[in-house]
PDB file of all heavy atoms in Angstrom:
ATOM      1  N   LEU A   1      70.110  35.274  16.360  1.00  0.00           N
ATOM      2  CA  LEU A   1      69.444  36.101  15.403  1.00  0.00           C
ATOM      3  C   LEU A   1      67.905  36.066  15.637  1.00  0.00           C
ATOM      4  O   LEU A   1      67.245  37.115  15.474  1.00  0.00           O
ATOM      5  CB  LEU A   1      69.750  35.634  13.946  1.00  0.00           C
ATOM      6  CG  LEU A   1      71.201  35.807  13.519  1.00  0.00           C
ATOM      7  CD1 LEU A   1      71.387  35.188  12.138  1.00  0.00           C
ATOM      8  CD2 LEU A   1      71.616  37.266  13.498  1.00  0.00           C
ATOM      9  N   ILE A   2      67.373  34.903  15.975  1.00  0.00           N
ATOM     10  CA  ILE A   2      65.934  34.815  16.258  1.00  0.00           C
ATOM     11  C   ILE A   2      65.585  35.629  17.499  1.00  0.00           C
ATOM     12  O   ILE A   2      64.633  36.377  17.500  1.00  0.00           O
ATOM     13  CB  ILE A   2      65.543  33.357  16.482  1.00  0.00           C
ATOM     14  CG1 ILE A   2      65.726  32.517  15.196  1.00  0.00           C
ATOM     15  CG2 ILE A   2      64.066  33.276  16.902  1.00  0.00           C
ATOM     16  CD1 ILE A   2      65.512  31.040  15.335  1.00  0.00           C
ATOM     17  N   ALA A   3      66.403  35.511  18.523  1.00  0.00           N
ATOM     18  CA  ALA A   3      66.140  36.219  19.754  1.00  0.00           C
ATOM     19  C   ALA A   3      66.193  37.735  19.560  1.00  0.00           C
ATOM     20  O   ALA A   3      65.455  38.505  20.177  1.00  0.00           O
ATOM     21  CB  ALA A   3      67.144  35.824  20.875  1.00  0.00           C
ATOM     22  N   LYS A   4      67.043  38.174  18.575  1.00  0.00           N
ATOM     23  CA  LYS A   4      67.138  39.604  18.285  1.00  0.00           C
ATOM     24  C   LYS A   4      66.108  40.060  17.249  1.00  0.00           C
ATOM     25  O   LYS A   4      66.057  41.205  16.881  1.00  0.00           O
ATOM     26  CB  LYS A   4      68.553  39.961  17.707  1.00  0.00           C
ATOM     27  CG  LYS A   4      69.670  39.806  18.725  1.00  0.00           C
ATOM     28  CD  LYS A   4      70.940  40.445  18.204  1.00  0.00           C
ATOM     29  CE  LYS A   4      71.387  39.830  16.934  1.00  0.00           C
ATOM     30  NZ  LYS A   4      72.674  40.415  16.421  1.00  0.00           N
ATOM     31  N   ARG A   5      65.276  39.114  16.769  1.00  0.00           N
ATOM     32  CA  ARG A   5      64.272  39.386  15.724  1.00  0.00           C
ATOM     33  C   ARG A   5      64.978  39.980  14.483  1.00  0.00           C
ATOM     34  O   ARG A   5      64.458  40.953  13.915  1.00  0.00           O
ATOM     35  CB  ARG A   5      63.169  40.326  16.228  1.00  0.00           C
ATOM     36  CG  ARG A   5      62.344  39.778  17.319  1.00  0.00           C
ATOM     37  CD  ARG A   5      61.282  40.770  17.762  1.00  0.00           C
ATOM     38  NE  ARG A   5      60.379  41.030  16.648  1.00  0.00           N
ATOM     39  CZ  ARG A   5      59.178  40.486  16.504  1.00  0.00           C
ATOM     40  NH1 ARG A   5      58.746  39.593  17.374  1.00  0.00           N
ATOM     41  NH2 ARG A   5      58.417  40.789  15.476  1.00  0.00           N
ATOM     42  N   ASP A   6      66.065  39.409  14.076  1.00  0.00           N
ATOM     43  CA  ASP A   6      66.793  39.885  12.941  1.00  0.00           C
ATOM     44  C   ASP A   6      66.030  39.605  11.634  1.00  0.00           C
ATOM     45  O   ASP A   6      64.978  38.922  11.647  1.00  0.00           O
ATOM     46  CB  ASP A   6      68.198  39.254  12.886  1.00  0.00           C
ATOM     47  CG  ASP A   6      69.246  40.254  12.455  1.00  0.00           C
ATOM     48  OD1 ASP A   6      68.967  41.070  11.534  1.00  0.00           O
ATOM     49  OD2 ASP A   6      70.349  40.243  13.032  1.00  0.00           O
ATOM     50  N   SER A   7      66.541  40.087  10.499  1.00  0.00           N
ATOM     51  CA  SER A   7      65.831  40.025   9.239  1.00  0.00           C
ATOM     52  C   SER A   7      65.899  38.654   8.595  1.00  0.00           C
ATOM     53  O   SER A   7      66.717  37.809   8.962  1.00  0.00           O
ATOM     54  CB  SER A   7      66.430  41.065   8.268  1.00  0.00           C
ATOM     55  OG  SER A   7      67.751  40.699   7.936  1.00  0.00           O
ATOM     56  N   VAL A   8      65.030  38.438   7.600  1.00  0.00           N
ATOM     57  CA  VAL A   8      65.025  37.223   6.806  1.00  0.00           C
ATOM     58  C   VAL A   8      66.385  37.040   6.157  1.00  0.00           C
ATOM     59  O   VAL A   8      66.927  35.940   6.108  1.00  0.00           O
ATOM     60  CB  VAL A   8      63.897  37.236   5.739  1.00  0.00           C
ATOM     61  CG1 VAL A   8      64.041  36.022   4.790  1.00  0.00           C
ATOM     62  CG2 VAL A   8      62.545  37.204   6.413  1.00  0.00           C
ATOM     63  N   GLU A   9      66.926  38.112   5.580  1.00  0.00           N
ATOM     64  CA  GLU A   9      68.200  38.018   4.897  1.00  0.00           C
ATOM     65  C   GLU A   9      69.336  37.586   5.827  1.00  0.00           C
ATOM     66  O   GLU A   9      70.194  36.775   5.441  1.00  0.00           O
ATOM     67  CB  GLU A   9      68.564  39.353   4.259  1.00  0.00           C
ATOM     68  CG  GLU A   9      68.197  39.514   2.796  1.00  0.00           C
ATOM     69  CD  GLU A   9      68.484  38.318   1.964  1.00  0.00           C
ATOM     70  OE1 GLU A   9      69.629  37.794   1.950  1.00  0.00           O
ATOM     71  OE2 GLU A   9      67.553  37.830   1.281  1.00  0.00           O
ATOM     72  N   ALA A  10      69.322  38.140   7.053  1.00  0.00           N
ATOM     73  CA  ALA A  10      70.369  37.726   8.027  1.00  0.00           C
ATOM     74  C   ALA A  10      70.257  36.246   8.356  1.00  0.00           C
ATOM     75  O   ALA A  10      71.271  35.531   8.433  1.00  0.00           O
ATOM     76  CB  ALA A  10      70.273  38.591   9.264  1.00  0.00           C
ATOM     77  N   LEU A  11      69.034  35.776   8.548  1.00  0.00           N
ATOM     78  CA  LEU A  11      68.817  34.329   8.850  1.00  0.00           C
ATOM     79  C   LEU A  11      69.245  33.466   7.674  1.00  0.00           C
ATOM     80  O   LEU A  11      69.891  32.437   7.850  1.00  0.00           O
ATOM     81  CB  LEU A  11      67.362  34.114   9.187  1.00  0.00           C
ATOM     82  CG  LEU A  11      66.860  34.641  10.552  1.00  0.00           C
ATOM     83  CD1 LEU A  11      65.346  34.649  10.593  1.00  0.00           C
ATOM     84  CD2 LEU A  11      67.432  33.824  11.689  1.00  0.00           C
ATOM     85  N   ARG A  12      68.878  33.883   6.428  1.00  0.00           N
ATOM     86  CA  ARG A  12      69.201  33.088   5.261  1.00  0.00           C
ATOM     87  C   ARG A  12      70.741  33.044   5.068  1.00  0.00           C
ATOM     88  O   ARG A  12      71.310  31.955   4.790  1.00  0.00           O
ATOM     89  CB  ARG A  12      68.542  33.661   4.014  1.00  0.00           C
ATOM     90  CG  ARG A  12      68.843  32.844   2.729  1.00  0.00           C
ATOM     91  CD  ARG A  12      68.132  33.378   1.518  1.00  0.00           C
ATOM     92  NE  ARG A  12      66.705  33.219   1.584  1.00  0.00           N
ATOM     93  CZ  ARG A  12      65.821  34.155   1.730  1.00  0.00           C
ATOM     94  NH1 ARG A  12      66.219  35.438   1.856  1.00  0.00           N
ATOM     95  NH2 ARG A  12      64.527  33.873   1.750  1.00  0.00           N
ATOM     96  N   THR A  13      71.412  34.196   5.221  1.00  0.00           N
ATOM     97  CA  THR A  13      72.844  34.223   5.082  1.00  0.00           C
ATOM     98  C   THR A  13      73.538  33.319   6.060  1.00  0.00           C
ATOM     99  O   THR A  13      74.500  32.571   5.685  1.00  0.00           O
ATOM    100  CB  THR A  13      73.374  35.675   5.228  1.00  0.00           C
ATOM    101  OG1 THR A  13      72.722  36.513   4.253  1.00  0.00           O
ATOM    102  CG2 THR A  13      74.854  35.740   5.095  1.00  0.00           C
ATOM    103  N   GLU A  14      73.126  33.337   7.322  1.00  0.00           N
ATOM    104  CA  GLU A  14      73.752  32.471   8.338  1.00  0.00           C
ATOM    105  C   GLU A  14      73.432  31.009   8.075  1.00  0.00           C
ATOM    106  O   GLU A  14      74.328  30.154   8.257  1.00  0.00           O
ATOM    107  CB  GLU A  14      73.251  32.871   9.725  1.00  0.00           C
ATOM    108  CG  GLU A  14      73.823  32.088  10.869  1.00  0.00           C
ATOM    109  CD  GLU A  14      75.341  32.203  10.942  1.00  0.00           C
ATOM    110  OE1 GLU A  14      75.888  33.263  10.613  1.00  0.00           O
ATOM    111  OE2 GLU A  14      75.967  31.193  11.352  1.00  0.00           O
ATOM    112  N   ALA A  15      72.228  30.700   7.635  1.00  0.00           N
ATOM    113  CA  ALA A  15      71.877  29.293   7.349  1.00  0.00           C
ATOM    114  C   ALA A  15      72.688  28.777   6.195  1.00  0.00           C
ATOM    115  O   ALA A  15      73.148  27.601   6.230  1.00  0.00           O
ATOM    116  CB  ALA A  15      70.386  29.200   7.070  1.00  0.00           C
ATOM    117  N   VAL A  16      72.863  29.580   5.151  1.00  0.00           N
ATOM    118  CA  VAL A  16      73.672  29.147   3.997  1.00  0.00           C
ATOM    119  C   VAL A  16      75.124  28.922   4.421  1.00  0.00           C
ATOM    120  O   VAL A  16      75.806  27.989   3.964  1.00  0.00           O
ATOM    121  CB  VAL A  16      73.575  30.189   2.867  1.00  0.00           C
ATOM    122  CG1 VAL A  16      74.606  29.907   1.781  1.00  0.00           C
ATOM    123  CG2 VAL A  16      72.171  30.168   2.254  1.00  0.00           C
ATOM    124  N   LYS A  17      75.608  29.747   5.334  1.00  0.00           N
ATOM    125  CA  LYS A  17      77.011  29.568   5.819  1.00  0.00           C
ATOM    126  C   LYS A  17      77.172  28.221   6.504  1.00  0.00           C
ATOM    127  O   LYS A  17      78.242  27.606   6.436  1.00  0.00           O
ATOM    128  CB  LYS A  17      77.352  30.680   6.844  1.00  0.00           C
ATOM    129  CG  LYS A  17      77.723  32.009   6.238  1.00  0.00           C
ATOM    130  CD  LYS A  17      78.106  32.972   7.368  1.00  0.00           C
ATOM    131  CE  LYS A  17      78.350  34.379   6.858  1.00  0.00           C
ATOM    132  NZ  LYS A  17      78.640  35.304   7.937  1.00  0.00           N
ATOM    133  N   THR A  18      76.108  27.779   7.175  1.00  0.00           N
ATOM    134  CA  THR A  18      76.208  26.525   7.916  1.00  0.00           C
ATOM    135  C   THR A  18      75.862  25.312   7.036  1.00  0.00           C
ATOM    136  O   THR A  18      75.743  24.191   7.592  1.00  0.00           O
ATOM    137  CB  THR A  18      75.281  26.526   9.127  1.00  0.00           C
ATOM    138  OG1 THR A  18      73.923  26.746   8.704  1.00  0.00           O
ATOM    139  CG2 THR A  18      75.661  27.642  10.084  1.00  0.00           C
ATOM    140  N   GLY A  19      75.631  25.520   5.714  1.00  0.00           N
ATOM    141  CA  GLY A  19      75.455  24.398   4.840  1.00  0.00           C
ATOM    142  C   GLY A  19      74.059  24.241   4.233  1.00  0.00           C
ATOM    143  O   GLY A  19      73.829  23.331   3.451  1.00  0.00           O
ATOM    144  N   MET A  20      73.110  25.127   4.517  1.00  0.00           N
ATOM    145  CA  MET A  20      71.781  25.020   3.973  1.00  0.00           C
ATOM    146  C   MET A  20      71.832  25.314   2.476  1.00  0.00           C
ATOM    147  O   MET A  20      72.479  26.229   2.012  1.00  0.00           O
ATOM    148  CB  MET A  20      70.815  26.015   4.610  1.00  0.00           C
ATOM    149  CG  MET A  20      69.380  25.926   4.108  1.00  0.00           C
ATOM    150  SD  MET A  20      68.278  27.198   4.763  1.00  0.00           S
ATOM    151  CE  MET A  20      68.615  28.544   3.568  1.00  0.00           C
ATOM    152  N   ARG A  21      71.150  24.471   1.698  1.00  0.00           N
ATOM    153  CA  ARG A  21      70.964  24.724   0.277  1.00  0.00           C
ATOM    154  C   ARG A  21      69.539  25.159   0.068  1.00  0.00           C
ATOM    155  O   ARG A  21      68.597  24.531   0.571  1.00  0.00           O
ATOM    156  CB  ARG A  21      71.292  23.480  -0.578  1.00  0.00           C
ATOM    157  CG  ARG A  21      72.778  23.106  -0.531  1.00  0.00           C
ATOM    158  CD  ARG A  21      73.620  24.175  -1.284  1.00  0.00           C
ATOM    159  NE  ARG A  21      75.053  23.918  -1.151  1.00  0.00           N
ATOM    160  CZ  ARG A  21      75.858  24.552  -0.311  1.00  0.00           C
ATOM    161  NH1 ARG A  21      75.351  25.415   0.546  1.00  0.00           N
ATOM    162  NH2 ARG A  21      77.145  24.287  -0.313  1.00  0.00           N
ATOM    163  N   THR A  22      69.335  26.273  -0.696  1.00  0.00           N
ATOM    164  CA  THR A  22      68.016  26.809  -0.885  1.00  0.00           C
ATOM    165  C   THR A  22      67.164  25.904  -1.770  1.00  0.00           C
ATOM    166  O   THR A  22      67.667  24.943  -2.395  1.00  0.00           O
ATOM    167  CB  THR A  22      68.073  28.180  -1.531  1.00  0.00           C
ATOM    168  OG1 THR A  22      68.619  28.060  -2.850  1.00  0.00           O
ATOM    169  CG2 THR A  22      68.950  29.140  -0.683  1.00  0.00           C
ATOM    170  N   LEU A  23      65.884  26.154  -1.830  1.00  0.00           N
ATOM    171  CA  LEU A  23      64.999  25.412  -2.731  1.00  0.00           C
ATOM    172  C   LEU A  23      65.505  25.415  -4.162  1.00  0.00           C
ATOM    173  O   LEU A  23      65.507  24.395  -4.838  1.00  0.00           O
ATOM    174  CB  LEU A  23      63.584  26.018  -2.687  1.00  0.00           C
ATOM    175  CG  LEU A  23      62.760  25.704  -1.430  1.00  0.00           C
ATOM    176  CD1 LEU A  23      61.526  26.622  -1.353  1.00  0.00           C
ATOM    177  CD2 LEU A  23      62.264  24.244  -1.426  1.00  0.00           C
ATOM    178  N   LEU A  24      65.898  26.590  -4.617  1.00  0.00           N
ATOM    179  CA  LEU A  24      66.390  26.694  -5.990  1.00  0.00           C
ATOM    180  C   LEU A  24      67.688  25.855  -6.185  1.00  0.00           C
ATOM    181  O   LEU A  24      67.846  25.150  -7.206  1.00  0.00           O
ATOM    182  CB  LEU A  24      66.671  28.149  -6.346  1.00  0.00           C
ATOM    183  CG  LEU A  24      67.178  28.441  -7.779  1.00  0.00           C
ATOM    184  CD1 LEU A  24      66.212  27.908  -8.811  1.00  0.00           C
ATOM    185  CD2 LEU A  24      67.452  29.956  -7.932  1.00  0.00           C
ATOM    186  N   GLN A  25      68.573  25.901  -5.219  1.00  0.00           N
ATOM    187  CA  GLN A  25      69.819  25.148  -5.333  1.00  0.00           C
ATOM    188  C   GLN A  25      69.550  23.615  -5.333  1.00  0.00           C
ATOM    189  O   GLN A  25      70.107  22.878  -6.105  1.00  0.00           O
ATOM    190  CB  GLN A  25      70.767  25.501  -4.188  1.00  0.00           C
ATOM    191  CG  GLN A  25      71.377  26.887  -4.332  1.00  0.00           C
ATOM    192  CD  GLN A  25      72.191  27.284  -3.101  1.00  0.00           C
ATOM    193  OE1 GLN A  25      71.838  26.947  -1.966  1.00  0.00           O
ATOM    194  NE2 GLN A  25      73.287  27.972  -3.345  1.00  0.00           N
ATOM    195  N   ASP A  26      68.633  23.200  -4.456  1.00  0.00           N
ATOM    196  CA  ASP A  26      68.281  21.758  -4.409  1.00  0.00           C
ATOM    197  C   ASP A  26      67.598  21.344  -5.698  1.00  0.00           C
ATOM    198  O   ASP A  26      67.843  20.250  -6.197  1.00  0.00           O
ATOM    199  CB  ASP A  26      67.348  21.477  -3.202  1.00  0.00           C
ATOM    200  CG  ASP A  26      67.202  19.976  -2.969  1.00  0.00           C
ATOM    201  OD1 ASP A  26      68.204  19.301  -2.746  1.00  0.00           O
ATOM    202  OD2 ASP A  26      66.053  19.506  -3.014  1.00  0.00           O
ATOM    203  N   GLY A  27      66.761  22.228  -6.248  1.00  0.00           N
ATOM    204  CA  GLY A  27      66.108  21.952  -7.512  1.00  0.00           C
ATOM    205  C   GLY A  27      67.107  21.821  -8.680  1.00  0.00           C
ATOM    206  O   GLY A  27      67.016  20.908  -9.478  1.00  0.00           O
ATOM    207  N   ILE A  28      68.079  22.748  -8.715  1.00  0.00           N
ATOM    208  CA  ILE A  28      69.124  22.700  -9.747  1.00  0.00           C
ATOM    209  C   ILE A  28      69.930  21.377  -9.638  1.00  0.00           C
ATOM    210  O   ILE A  28      70.288  20.772 -10.631  1.00  0.00           O
ATOM    211  CB  ILE A  28      70.005  23.924  -9.687  1.00  0.00           C
ATOM    212  CG1 ILE A  28      69.219  25.180 -10.115  1.00  0.00           C
ATOM    213  CG2 ILE A  28      71.267  23.765 -10.540  1.00  0.00           C
ATOM    214  CD1 ILE A  28      69.977  26.496  -9.974  1.00  0.00           C
ATOM    215  N   ARG A  29      70.190  20.985  -8.414  1.00  0.00           N
ATOM    216  CA  ARG A  29      70.914  19.725  -8.220  1.00  0.00           C
ATOM    217  C   ARG A  29      70.105  18.554  -8.812  1.00  0.00           C
ATOM    218  O   ARG A  29      70.684  17.657  -9.434  1.00  0.00           O
ATOM    219  CB  ARG A  29      71.149  19.480  -6.723  1.00  0.00           C
ATOM    220  CG  ARG A  29      71.859  18.168  -6.417  1.00  0.00           C
ATOM    221  CD  ARG A  29      72.132  17.995  -4.944  1.00  0.00           C
ATOM    222  NE  ARG A  29      73.131  18.898  -4.431  1.00  0.00           N
ATOM    223  CZ  ARG A  29      73.668  18.852  -3.229  1.00  0.00           C
ATOM    224  NH1 ARG A  29      73.233  17.896  -2.385  1.00  0.00           N
ATOM    225  NH2 ARG A  29      74.544  19.693  -2.822  1.00  0.00           N
ATOM    226  N   LYS A  30      68.798  18.547  -8.672  1.00  0.00           N
ATOM    227  CA  LYS A  30      67.971  17.479  -9.239  1.00  0.00           C
ATOM    228  C   LYS A  30      67.911  17.561 -10.749  1.00  0.00           C
ATOM    229  O   LYS A  30      67.709  16.607 -11.431  1.00  0.00           O
ATOM    230  CB  LYS A  30      66.583  17.538  -8.606  1.00  0.00           C
ATOM    231  CG  LYS A  30      66.602  17.039  -7.149  1.00  0.00           C
ATOM    232  CD  LYS A  30      65.232  17.069  -6.537  1.00  0.00           C
ATOM    233  CE  LYS A  30      65.230  16.339  -5.186  1.00  0.00           C
ATOM    234  NZ  LYS A  30      66.085  16.937  -4.156  1.00  0.00           N
ATOM    235  N   VAL A  31      68.070  18.804 -11.316  1.00  0.00           N
ATOM    236  CA  VAL A  31      68.141  18.972 -12.765  1.00  0.00           C
ATOM    237  C   VAL A  31      69.419  18.306 -13.257  1.00  0.00           C
ATOM    238  O   VAL A  31      69.427  17.556 -14.242  1.00  0.00           O
ATOM    239  CB  VAL A  31      68.136  20.475 -13.184  1.00  0.00           C
ATOM    240  CG1 VAL A  31      68.458  20.632 -14.650  1.00  0.00           C
ATOM    241  CG2 VAL A  31      66.752  21.076 -12.872  1.00  0.00           C
ATOM    242  N   VAL A  32      70.532  18.578 -12.596  1.00  0.00           N
ATOM    243  CA  VAL A  32      71.842  18.017 -12.965  1.00  0.00           C
ATOM    244  C   VAL A  32      71.826  16.470 -12.818  1.00  0.00           C
ATOM    245  O   VAL A  32      72.454  15.765 -13.617  1.00  0.00           O
ATOM    246  CB  VAL A  32      72.952  18.623 -12.105  1.00  0.00           C
ATOM    247  CG1 VAL A  32      74.278  17.899 -12.346  1.00  0.00           C
ATOM    248  CG2 VAL A  32      73.086  20.107 -12.397  1.00  0.00           C
ATOM    249  N   GLU A  33      71.051  15.967 -11.856  1.00  0.00           N
ATOM    250  CA  GLU A  33      70.955  14.513 -11.688  1.00  0.00           C
ATOM    251  C   GLU A  33      70.048  13.871 -12.723  1.00  0.00           C
ATOM    252  O   GLU A  33      69.941  12.633 -12.758  1.00  0.00           O
ATOM    253  CB  GLU A  33      70.406  14.209 -10.275  1.00  0.00           C
ATOM    254  CG  GLU A  33      71.355  14.576  -9.122  1.00  0.00           C
ATOM    255  CD  GLU A  33      70.718  14.453  -7.800  1.00  0.00           C
ATOM    256  OE1 GLU A  33      69.461  14.222  -7.696  1.00  0.00           O
ATOM    257  OE2 GLU A  33      71.463  14.601  -6.766  1.00  0.00           O
ATOM    258  N   GLY A  34      69.378  14.681 -13.528  1.00  0.00           N
ATOM    259  CA  GLY A  34      68.526  14.136 -14.611  1.00  0.00           C
ATOM    260  C   GLY A  34      67.140  13.763 -14.152  1.00  0.00           C
ATOM    261  O   GLY A  34      66.400  13.058 -14.877  1.00  0.00           O
ATOM    262  N   ARG A  35      66.698  14.256 -13.010  1.00  0.00           N
ATOM    263  CA  ARG A  35      65.345  13.905 -12.519  1.00  0.00           C
ATOM    264  C   ARG A  35      64.231  14.805 -13.052  1.00  0.00           C
ATOM    265  O   ARG A  35      63.124  14.407 -13.176  1.00  0.00           O
ATOM    266  CB  ARG A  35      65.362  13.950 -10.974  1.00  0.00           C
ATOM    267  CG  ARG A  35      66.310  12.982 -10.323  1.00  0.00           C
ATOM    268  CD  ARG A  35      66.064  12.973  -8.833  1.00  0.00           C
ATOM    269  NE  ARG A  35      67.018  12.121  -8.127  1.00  0.00           N
ATOM    270  CZ  ARG A  35      66.893  11.784  -6.845  1.00  0.00           C
ATOM    271  NH1 ARG A  35      65.856  12.225  -6.170  1.00  0.00           N
ATOM    272  NH2 ARG A  35      67.778  11.040  -6.261  1.00  0.00           N
ATOM    273  N   THR A  36      64.574  16.068 -13.332  1.00  0.00           N
ATOM    274  CA  THR A  36      63.591  17.036 -13.840  1.00  0.00           C
ATOM    275  C   THR A  36      64.332  18.005 -14.714  1.00  0.00           C
ATOM    276  O   THR A  36      65.527  17.840 -15.011  1.00  0.00           O
ATOM    277  CB  THR A  36      62.875  17.726 -12.657  1.00  0.00           C
ATOM    278  OG1 THR A  36      61.812  18.526 -13.159  1.00  0.00           O
ATOM    279  CG2 THR A  36      63.806  18.608 -11.875  1.00  0.00           C
ATOM    280  N   ASP A  37      63.601  19.034 -15.242  1.00  0.00           N
ATOM    281  CA  ASP A  37      64.273  20.015 -16.107  1.00  0.00           C
ATOM    282  C   ASP A  37      64.176  21.376 -15.434  1.00  0.00           C
ATOM    283  O   ASP A  37      63.389  21.617 -14.532  1.00  0.00           O
ATOM    284  CB  ASP A  37      63.723  20.010 -17.517  1.00  0.00           C
ATOM    285  CG  ASP A  37      62.317  20.636 -17.604  1.00  0.00           C
ATOM    286  OD1 ASP A  37      61.615  20.687 -16.594  1.00  0.00           O
ATOM    287  OD2 ASP A  37      61.945  21.067 -18.713  1.00  0.00           O
ATOM    288  N   LEU A  38      64.989  22.307 -15.965  1.00  0.00           N
ATOM    289  CA  LEU A  38      65.120  23.608 -15.369  1.00  0.00           C
ATOM    290  C   LEU A  38      63.806  24.411 -15.323  1.00  0.00           C
ATOM    291  O   LEU A  38      63.559  25.156 -14.402  1.00  0.00           O
ATOM    292  CB  LEU A  38      66.218  24.425 -16.055  1.00  0.00           C
ATOM    293  CG  LEU A  38      66.719  25.683 -15.370  1.00  0.00           C
ATOM    294  CD1 LEU A  38      67.273  25.323 -13.997  1.00  0.00           C
ATOM    295  CD2 LEU A  38      67.766  26.375 -16.199  1.00  0.00           C
ATOM    296  N   LYS A  39      62.975  24.271 -16.380  1.00  0.00           N
ATOM    297  CA  LYS A  39      61.692  25.007 -16.424  1.00  0.00           C
ATOM    298  C   LYS A  39      60.818  24.650 -15.248  1.00  0.00           C
ATOM    299  O   LYS A  39      60.144  25.524 -14.704  1.00  0.00           O
ATOM    300  CB  LYS A  39      61.010  24.723 -17.723  1.00  0.00           C
ATOM    301  CG  LYS A  39      61.593  25.363 -18.955  1.00  0.00           C
ATOM    302  CD  LYS A  39      60.791  25.098 -20.215  1.00  0.00           C
ATOM    303  CE  LYS A  39      61.415  25.763 -21.435  1.00  0.00           C
ATOM    304  NZ  LYS A  39      60.656  25.412 -22.670  1.00  0.00           N
ATOM    305  N   GLN A  40      60.794  23.377 -14.864  1.00  0.00           N
ATOM    306  CA  GLN A  40      59.994  22.942 -13.773  1.00  0.00           C
ATOM    307  C   GLN A  40      60.472  23.581 -12.442  1.00  0.00           C
ATOM    308  O   GLN A  40      59.643  23.993 -11.616  1.00  0.00           O
ATOM    309  CB  GLN A  40      60.037  21.402 -13.635  1.00  0.00           C
ATOM    310  CG  GLN A  40      59.411  20.661 -14.775  1.00  0.00           C
ATOM    311  CD  GLN A  40      57.892  20.920 -14.851  1.00  0.00           C
ATOM    312  OE1 GLN A  40      57.195  20.832 -13.863  1.00  0.00           O
ATOM    313  NE2 GLN A  40      57.449  21.194 -16.040  1.00  0.00           N
ATOM    314  N   ILE A  41      61.767  23.650 -12.279  1.00  0.00           N
ATOM    315  CA  ILE A  41      62.339  24.244 -11.030  1.00  0.00           C
ATOM    316  C   ILE A  41      62.041  25.729 -10.977  1.00  0.00           C
ATOM    317  O   ILE A  41      61.616  26.212  -9.928  1.00  0.00           O
ATOM    318  CB  ILE A  41      63.833  23.976 -11.004  1.00  0.00           C
ATOM    319  CG1 ILE A  41      64.139  22.440 -10.928  1.00  0.00           C
ATOM    320  CG2 ILE A  41      64.494  24.672  -9.796  1.00  0.00           C
ATOM    321  CD1 ILE A  41      63.488  21.716  -9.769  1.00  0.00           C
ATOM    322  N   LEU A  42      62.264  26.424 -12.087  1.00  0.00           N
ATOM    323  CA  LEU A  42      62.042  27.877 -12.081  1.00  0.00           C
ATOM    324  C   LEU A  42      60.566  28.248 -11.909  1.00  0.00           C
ATOM    325  O   LEU A  42      60.240  29.315 -11.504  1.00  0.00           O
ATOM    326  CB  LEU A  42      62.616  28.491 -13.357  1.00  0.00           C
ATOM    327  CG  LEU A  42      64.088  28.375 -13.558  1.00  0.00           C
ATOM    328  CD1 LEU A  42      64.499  28.991 -14.908  1.00  0.00           C
ATOM    329  CD2 LEU A  42      64.872  29.047 -12.399  1.00  0.00           C
ATOM    330  N   ALA A  43      59.691  27.269 -12.222  1.00  0.00           N
ATOM    331  CA  ALA A  43      58.242  27.552 -12.100  1.00  0.00           C
ATOM    332  C   ALA A  43      57.793  27.575 -10.610  1.00  0.00           C
ATOM    333  O   ALA A  43      56.792  28.164 -10.292  1.00  0.00           O
ATOM    334  CB  ALA A  43      57.480  26.505 -12.844  1.00  0.00           C
ATOM    335  N   VAL A  44      58.547  26.880  -9.742  1.00  0.00           N
ATOM    336  CA  VAL A  44      58.106  26.804  -8.368  1.00  0.00           C
ATOM    337  C   VAL A  44      59.137  27.441  -7.355  1.00  0.00           C
ATOM    338  O   VAL A  44      58.787  27.616  -6.191  1.00  0.00           O
ATOM    339  CB  VAL A  44      57.897  25.324  -7.936  1.00  0.00           C
ATOM    340  CG1 VAL A  44      56.767  24.714  -8.739  1.00  0.00           C
ATOM    341  CG2 VAL A  44      59.148  24.499  -8.009  1.00  0.00           C
ATOM    342  N   CYS A  45      60.330  27.749  -7.803  1.00  0.00           N
ATOM    343  CA  CYS A  45      61.363  28.309  -6.935  1.00  0.00           C
ATOM    344  C   CYS A  45      61.767  29.682  -7.445  1.00  0.00           C
ATOM    345  O   CYS A  45      62.053  29.874  -8.625  1.00  0.00           O
ATOM    346  CB  CYS A  45      62.583  27.427  -6.884  1.00  0.00           C
ATOM    347  SG  CYS A  45      62.272  25.739  -6.333  1.00  0.00           S
ATOM    348  N   MET A  46      61.799  30.665  -6.528  1.00  0.00           N
ATOM    349  CA  MET A  46      62.200  31.999  -6.897  1.00  0.00           C
ATOM    350  C   MET A  46      63.727  32.102  -6.986  1.00  0.00           C
ATOM    351  O   MET A  46      64.457  31.462  -6.237  1.00  0.00           O
ATOM    352  CB  MET A  46      61.711  33.013  -5.891  1.00  0.00           C
ATOM    353  CG  MET A  46      60.197  33.114  -5.828  1.00  0.00           C
ATOM    354  SD  MET A  46      59.582  34.319  -4.645  1.00  0.00           S
ATOM    355  CE  MET A  46      60.195  35.831  -5.310  1.00  0.00           C
TER     356      MET A  46
END
C-alpha cells in the first residue's frame, strides 16, 4: 500500500486488520482499567 501511495484510510484499515488499536481504542482501554476517565481521552483523541 505504501509503494502504491494508497490512502490513509486504506493503511488504517489494513493496520487494524493486523491487530493495531487506535489511539482512541487504547485510551478507552485505559479508562476501563481505571487509570483515567473518558473526558480526558476524548479531549486528545479524535
